[in-house]
Amino acid sequence: MYEDLQGYFDNMIDYYKQTIDLLQQIIDNYSEIQNKSADAIKEIYQKILDAKLDAIDQEKDAIEELRKAREQARKDIANSKEVSNLQVGIQRAMMDTSGASDVALLKAQQDLEDKLTDMAEDKYSQMLDDIIDSLEEEKDALQKDFDEMFSELSWL
């Protein structure tokens, strides 16, 4: 009877050990699931944050482009007014029949030519700046695509 009782206790101890091991495994699995869930939630929130930051950057870029376009429009309007005034000066000089008008006409023509040359130089410079900007944007886009492609190597 002692041996039966001892066997019963041994079986109970083994059963409790197995139960404890099973509970420990359940706790470990639960902790692992919690950690994976926390990592997934963190990754989702990080992607949301990245999207919001990208949207803010894009909005800032759009505002900057708007500012540049507005400044360029103001400059174009000022140039147009100046060219118009120079053309009026040429017309007045051409209508004047006195000898002094020849000098005024030549000066007005030279001023108009200088202004048109300056405007052409500004446009050319702006065109080169636009080309440089587009090349920089292309370079940044290529780098971003490369970084995104190799940020997760699971596709390899």
Protein backbone atom coordinates (compact mmCIF):
# COMPACT_ATOMS: atom_id res chain seq x y z
CA MET A 1 0.00 0.00 0.00
CA TYR A 2 2.91 2.32 0.76
CA GLU A 3 4.33 1.61 -2.67
CA ASP A 4 0.94 2.26 -4.26
CA LEU A 5 0.66 5.51 -2.35
CA GLN A 6 4.24 6.41 -3.28
CA GLY A 7 3.47 5.63 -6.96
CA TYR A 8 0.33 7.74 -6.74
CA PHE A 9 2.33 10.69 -5.33
CA ASP A 10 5.02 10.23 -7.97
CA ASN A 11 2.36 10.25 -10.66
CA MET A 12 0.79 13.35 -9.14
CA ILE A 13 4.17 15.08 -8.99
CA ASP A 14 4.82 14.20 -12.65
CA TYR A 15 1.34 15.41 -13.54
CA TYR A 16 1.89 18.71 -11.72
CA LYS A 17 5.32 19.11 -13.34
CA GLN A 18 3.77 18.55 -16.75
CA THR A 19 0.97 20.95 -15.87
CA ILE A 20 3.50 23.55 -14.72
CA ASP A 21 5.56 23.03 -17.90
CA LEU A 22 2.42 23.34 -20.03
CA LEU A 23 1.37 26.49 -18.18
CA GLN A 24 4.87 27.92 -18.59
CA GLN A 25 4.72 27.14 -22.30
CA ILE A 26 1.30 28.83 -22.53
CA ILE A 27 2.67 31.88 -20.69
CA ASP A 28 5.71 31.97 -22.98
CA ASN A 29 3.52 31.69 -26.07
CA TYR A 30 1.22 34.40 -24.72
CA SER A 31 4.20 36.69 -24.05
CA GLU A 32 5.53 36.01 -27.53
CA ILE A 33 2.13 36.81 -29.06
CA GLN A 34 1.94 40.00 -27.01
CA ASN A 35 5.41 41.04 -28.14
CA LYS A 36 4.58 40.31 -31.77
CA SER A 37 1.31 42.23 -31.43
CA ALA A 38 3.12 45.16 -29.83
CA ASP A 39 5.71 45.12 -32.63
CA ALA A 40 2.96 44.99 -35.27
CA ILE A 41 1.09 47.87 -33.62
CA LYS A 42 4.30 49.86 -33.36
CA GLU A 43 5.04 49.18 -37.03
CA ILE A 44 1.52 50.28 -38.03
CA TYR A 45 1.81 53.48 -36.00
CA GLN A 46 5.28 54.09 -37.46
CA LYS A 47 3.87 53.76 -40.98
CA ILE A 48 1.04 56.14 -40.09
CA LEU A 49 3.56 58.60 -38.65
CA ASP A 50 5.78 58.27 -41.72
CA ALA A 51 2.78 58.90 -43.98
CA LYS A 52 1.81 62.00 -41.97
CA LEU A 53 5.39 63.30 -42.03
CA ASP A 54 5.58 62.70 -45.79
CA ALA A 55 2.28 64.54 -46.23
CA ILE A 56 3.61 67.48 -44.20
CA ASP A 57 6.81 67.52 -46.27
CA GLN A 58 4.79 67.42 -49.48
CA GLU A 59 2.59 70.25 -48.25
CA LYS A 60 5.66 72.30 -47.36
CA ASP A 61 7.12 71.61 -50.80
CA ALA A 62 3.84 72.61 -52.46
CA ILE A 63 3.74 75.85 -50.47
CA GLU A 64 7.35 76.58 -51.41
CA GLU A 65 6.54 75.92 -55.08
CA LEU A 66 3.53 78.21 -54.80
CA ARG A 67 5.71 80.92 -53.27
CA LYS A 68 8.25 80.55 -56.07
CA ALA A 69 5.52 80.66 -58.71
CA ARG A 70 4.02 83.77 -57.13
CA GLU A 71 7.42 85.51 -57.03
CA GLN A 72 8.01 84.54 -60.65
CA ALA A 73 4.59 85.88 -61.64
CA ARG A 74 5.31 89.18 -59.88
CA LYS A 75 8.65 89.40 -61.63
CA ASP A 76 7.04 88.62 -64.99
CA ILE A 77 4.41 91.32 -64.43
CA ALA A 78 7.08 93.87 -63.48
CA ASN A 79 9.12 92.94 -66.55
CA SER A 80 6.06 93.23 -68.77
CA LYS A 81 5.29 96.69 -67.39
CA GLU A 82 8.87 97.79 -67.92
CA VAL A 83 8.92 96.46 -71.51
CA SER A 84 5.60 98.19 -72.18
CA ASN A 85 6.97 101.49 -70.85
CA LEU A 86 10.08 101.10 -73.00
CA GLN A 87 7.93 100.44 -76.06
CA VAL A 88 5.88 103.56 -75.32
CA GLY A 89 9.13 105.50 -75.04
CA ILE A 90 10.22 104.21 -78.46
CA GLN A 91 6.86 105.15 -79.97
CA ARG A 92 7.08 108.67 -78.52
CA ALA A 93 10.63 109.07 -79.75
CA MET A 94 9.57 107.94 -83.21
CA MET A 95 6.72 110.48 -83.29
CA ASP A 96 9.00 113.35 -82.33
CA THR A 97 10.47 114.87 -85.50
CA SER A 98 13.18 116.92 -83.86
CA GLY A 99 16.84 115.83 -83.99
CA ALA A 100 16.90 115.12 -80.25
CA SER A 101 14.44 112.32 -80.81
CA ASP A 102 17.04 110.26 -82.69
CA VAL A 103 19.20 110.02 -79.56
CA ALA A 104 16.13 109.26 -77.44
CA LEU A 105 15.03 106.62 -79.93
CA LEU A 106 18.43 104.93 -79.93
CA LYS A 107 18.55 105.02 -76.12
CA ALA A 108 15.01 103.64 -75.83
CA GLN A 109 15.81 100.86 -78.32
CA GLN A 110 18.99 99.99 -76.43
CA ASP A 111 17.11 99.98 -73.10
CA LEU A 112 14.46 97.67 -74.59
CA GLU A 113 17.12 95.37 -76.00
CA ASP A 114 18.93 95.27 -72.63
CA LYS A 115 15.70 94.52 -70.80
CA LEU A 116 14.74 91.71 -73.19
CA THR A 117 18.25 90.28 -72.88
CA ASP A 118 18.00 90.35 -69.08
CA MET A 119 14.62 88.66 -69.24
CA ALA A 120 15.99 85.97 -71.56
CA GLU A 121 18.94 85.39 -69.23
CA ASP A 122 16.57 85.06 -66.26
CA LYS A 123 14.40 82.56 -68.15
CA TYR A 124 17.46 80.56 -69.19
CA SER A 125 18.76 80.53 -65.62
CA GLN A 126 15.33 79.45 -64.35
CA MET A 127 15.22 76.67 -66.95
CA LEU A 128 18.62 75.37 -65.79
CA ASP A 129 17.47 75.54 -62.15
CA ASP A 130 14.35 73.55 -63.07
CA ILE A 131 16.47 70.90 -64.79
CA ILE A 132 18.74 70.66 -61.73
CA ASP A 133 15.70 70.40 -59.44
CA SER A 134 14.15 67.64 -61.54
CA LEU A 135 17.44 65.73 -61.55
CA GLU A 136 17.66 66.05 -57.76
CA GLU A 137 14.07 64.83 -57.42
CA GLU A 138 14.81 61.89 -59.69
CA LYS A 139 17.93 61.06 -57.67
CA ASP A 140 15.96 61.23 -54.41
CA ALA A 141 13.17 59.06 -55.85
CA LEU A 142 15.67 56.44 -57.04
CA GLN A 143 17.34 56.37 -53.62
CA LYS A 144 13.96 56.10 -51.87
CA ASP A 145 12.90 53.23 -54.15
CA PHE A 146 16.19 51.47 -53.49
CA ASP A 147 15.87 51.95 -49.72
CA GLU A 148 12.28 50.68 -49.71
CA MET A 149 13.17 47.69 -51.87
CA PHE A 150 15.96 46.56 -49.59
CA SER A 151 14.38 47.55 -46.27
CA GLU A 152 12.56 44.23 -46.25
CA LEU A 153 14.61 41.41 -47.63
CA SER A 154 11.75 38.89 -47.49
CA TRP A 155 11.20 39.21 -51.25
CA LEU A 156 14.72 37.89 -51.90
